[in-house]
C-alpha atoms as a PDB file:
ATOM      1  CA  MET A   1     -29.625 -14.263 -36.714  1.00  0.00           C
ATOM      2  CA  ALA A   2     -32.085 -12.406 -34.520  1.00  0.00           C
ATOM      3  CA  ASN A   3     -31.899  -8.624 -34.328  1.00  0.00           C
ATOM      4  CA  ILE A   4     -34.407  -8.027 -31.528  1.00  0.00           C
ATOM      5  CA  LYS A   5     -33.076  -8.115 -27.984  1.00  0.00           C
ATOM      6  CA  SER A   6     -35.817 -10.399 -26.667  1.00  0.00           C
ATOM      7  CA  ALA A   7     -35.269 -12.854 -29.526  1.00  0.00           C
ATOM      8  CA  LYS A   8     -31.543 -12.981 -28.736  1.00  0.00           C
ATOM      9  CA  LYS A   9     -32.370 -13.701 -25.100  1.00  0.00           C
ATOM     10  CA  ARG A  10     -34.783 -16.475 -26.097  1.00  0.00           C
ATOM     11  CA  ILE A  11     -32.020 -18.098 -28.168  1.00  0.00           C
ATOM     12  CA  LEU A  12     -29.739 -18.173 -25.098  1.00  0.00           C
ATOM     13  CA  VAL A  13     -32.512 -19.552 -22.887  1.00  0.00           C
ATOM     14  CA  ILE A  14     -33.351 -22.259 -25.420  1.00  0.00           C
ATOM     15  CA  GLU A  15     -29.684 -23.308 -25.611  1.00  0.00           C
ATOM     16  CA  THR A  16     -29.568 -23.634 -21.819  1.00  0.00           C
ATOM     17  CA  LYS A  17     -32.759 -25.689 -21.720  1.00  0.00           C
ATOM     18  CA  THR A  18     -31.582 -27.879 -24.594  1.00  0.00           C
ATOM     19  CA  LEU A  19     -28.375 -28.693 -22.731  1.00  0.00           C
ATOM     20  CA  ARG A  20     -30.341 -29.534 -19.585  1.00  0.00           C
ATOM     21  CA  ASN A  21     -32.702 -31.790 -21.532  1.00  0.00           C
ATOM     22  CA  LYS A  22     -29.786 -33.570 -23.227  1.00  0.00           C
ATOM     23  CA  MET A  23     -28.124 -34.160 -19.864  1.00  0.00           C
ATOM     24  CA  ILE A  24     -31.304 -35.609 -18.358  1.00  0.00           C
ATOM     25  CA  LYS A  25     -31.997 -37.830 -21.383  1.00  0.00           C
ATOM     26  CA  SER A  26     -28.409 -39.097 -21.341  1.00  0.00           C
ATOM     27  CA  LYS A  27     -28.697 -39.998 -17.659  1.00  0.00           C
ATOM     28  CA  VAL A  28     -31.965 -41.873 -18.266  1.00  0.00           C
ATOM     29  CA  LYS A  29     -30.450 -43.784 -21.190  1.00  0.00           C
ATOM     30  CA  THR A  30     -27.452 -44.794 -19.065  1.00  0.00           C
ATOM     31  CA  LEU A  31     -29.674 -46.045 -16.249  1.00  0.00           C
ATOM     32  CA  VAL A  32     -31.868 -47.966 -18.705  1.00  0.00           C
ATOM     33  CA  LYS A  33     -28.757 -49.627 -20.157  1.00  0.00           C
ATOM     34  CA  LYS A  34     -27.702 -50.648 -16.642  1.00  0.00           C
ATOM     35  CA  VAL A  35     -31.080 -52.320 -16.071  1.00  0.00           C
ATOM     36  CA  GLU A  36     -30.894 -54.139 -19.407  1.00  0.00           C
ATOM     37  CA  ALA A  37     -27.318 -55.256 -18.711  1.00  0.00           C
ATOM     38  CA  ALA A  38     -28.327 -56.639 -15.302  1.00  0.00           C
ATOM     39  CA  VAL A  39     -31.258 -58.486 -16.898  1.00  0.00           C
ATOM     40  CA  ALA A  40     -28.965 -59.922 -19.572  1.00  0.00           C
ATOM     41  CA  ALA A  41     -26.497 -61.020 -16.889  1.00  0.00           C
ATOM     42  CA  GLY A  42     -29.326 -62.678 -14.946  1.00  0.00           C
ATOM     43  CA  ASP A  43     -28.656 -60.777 -11.706  1.00  0.00           C
ATOM     44  CA  LYS A  44     -32.100 -60.217 -10.167  1.00  0.00           C
ATOM     45  CA  THR A  45     -30.975 -58.117  -7.189  1.00  0.00           C
ATOM     46  CA  LEU A  46     -28.820 -55.833  -9.300  1.00  0.00           C
ATOM     47  CA  ALA A  47     -31.631 -55.517 -11.835  1.00  0.00           C
ATOM     48  CA  THR A  48     -34.184 -54.480  -9.199  1.00  0.00           C
ATOM     49  CA  GLU A  49     -31.823 -51.866  -7.742  1.00  0.00           C
ATOM     50  CA  ALA A  50     -31.034 -50.508 -11.206  1.00  0.00           C
ATOM     51  CA  LEU A  51     -34.763 -50.485 -11.992  1.00  0.00           C
ATOM     52  CA  LYS A  52     -35.512 -48.347  -8.929  1.00  0.00           C
ATOM     53  CA  ASN A  53     -32.865 -45.812  -9.964  1.00  0.00           C
ATOM     54  CA  ALA A  54     -34.093 -45.765 -13.555  1.00  0.00           C
ATOM     55  CA  VAL A  55     -37.741 -45.289 -12.556  1.00  0.00           C
ATOM     56  CA  VAL A  56     -36.829 -42.348 -10.307  1.00  0.00           C
ATOM     57  CA  ALA A  57     -34.825 -40.710 -13.094  1.00  0.00           C
ATOM     58  CA  ILE A  58     -37.597 -41.276 -15.658  1.00  0.00           C
ATOM     59  CA  ASP A  59     -40.231 -39.841 -13.310  1.00  0.00           C
ATOM     60  CA  LYS A  60     -38.092 -36.765 -12.635  1.00  0.00           C
ATOM     61  CA  ALA A  61     -37.542 -36.274 -16.360  1.00  0.00           C
ATOM     62  CA  GLN A  62     -41.285 -36.524 -16.953  1.00  0.00           C
ATOM     63  CA  ALA A  63     -41.982 -34.031 -14.158  1.00  0.00           C
ATOM     64  CA  LYS A  64     -39.541 -31.547 -15.718  1.00  0.00           C
ATOM     65  CA  GLY A  65     -41.196 -31.923 -19.116  1.00  0.00           C
ATOM     66  CA  VAL A  66     -38.317 -33.725 -20.811  1.00  0.00           C
ATOM     67  CA  TYR A  67     -40.536 -36.747 -21.549  1.00  0.00           C
ATOM     68  CA  HIS A  68     -44.272 -36.901 -22.192  1.00  0.00           C
ATOM     69  CA  LYS A  69     -46.114 -38.781 -19.448  1.00  0.00           C
ATOM     70  CA  ASN A  70     -47.124 -41.614 -21.782  1.00  0.00           C
ATOM     71  CA  ASN A  71     -43.550 -42.005 -23.031  1.00  0.00           C
ATOM     72  CA  ALA A  72     -42.289 -42.155 -19.451  1.00  0.00           C
ATOM     73  CA  ALA A  73     -44.970 -44.675 -18.502  1.00  0.00           C
ATOM     74  CA  ARG A  74     -44.074 -46.827 -21.509  1.00  0.00           C
ATOM     75  CA  LYS A  75     -40.379 -46.812 -20.558  1.00  0.00           C
ATOM     76  CA  VAL A  76     -41.111 -47.742 -16.937  1.00  0.00           C
ATOM     77  CA  SER A  77     -43.560 -50.453 -17.968  1.00  0.00           C
ATOM     78  CA  GLY A  78     -41.143 -52.047 -20.416  1.00  0.00           C
ATOM     79  CA  LEU A  79     -38.272 -52.087 -17.934  1.00  0.00           C
ATOM     80  CA  THR A  80     -40.497 -53.466 -15.184  1.00  0.00           C
ATOM     81  CA  LYS A  81     -41.689 -56.264 -17.481  1.00  0.00           C
ATOM     82  CA  LYS A  82     -38.098 -57.203 -18.299  1.00  0.00           C
ATOM     83  CA  VAL A  83     -37.096 -57.344 -14.639  1.00  0.00           C
ATOM     84  CA  ASN A  84     -40.248 -59.192 -13.554  1.00  0.00           C
ATOM     85  CA  SER A  85     -39.834 -61.789 -16.307  1.00  0.00           C
ATOM     86  CA  MET A  86     -36.535 -62.890 -14.772  1.00  0.00           C
ATOM     87  CA  THR A  87     -36.665 -66.147 -12.848  1.00  0.00           C
END
């Protein structure tokens, strides 16, 4: 355990940021699952709406530093391909 006051403060700050990052990642995962479920069900309109929500959440997560920009781009690209491949 840290003895220095600034180190103790950093531990608290890191815990707060970790919780925020977990919350954001969980939200993104949920939205991605909704897109994949809509694609599996074959509902094009629902899939496109879910895709819009997922892309916004992924972009926000990338802007906040939760995801690297290439990781975010890969997620968006993969989801978009799945939705666009629907007939």
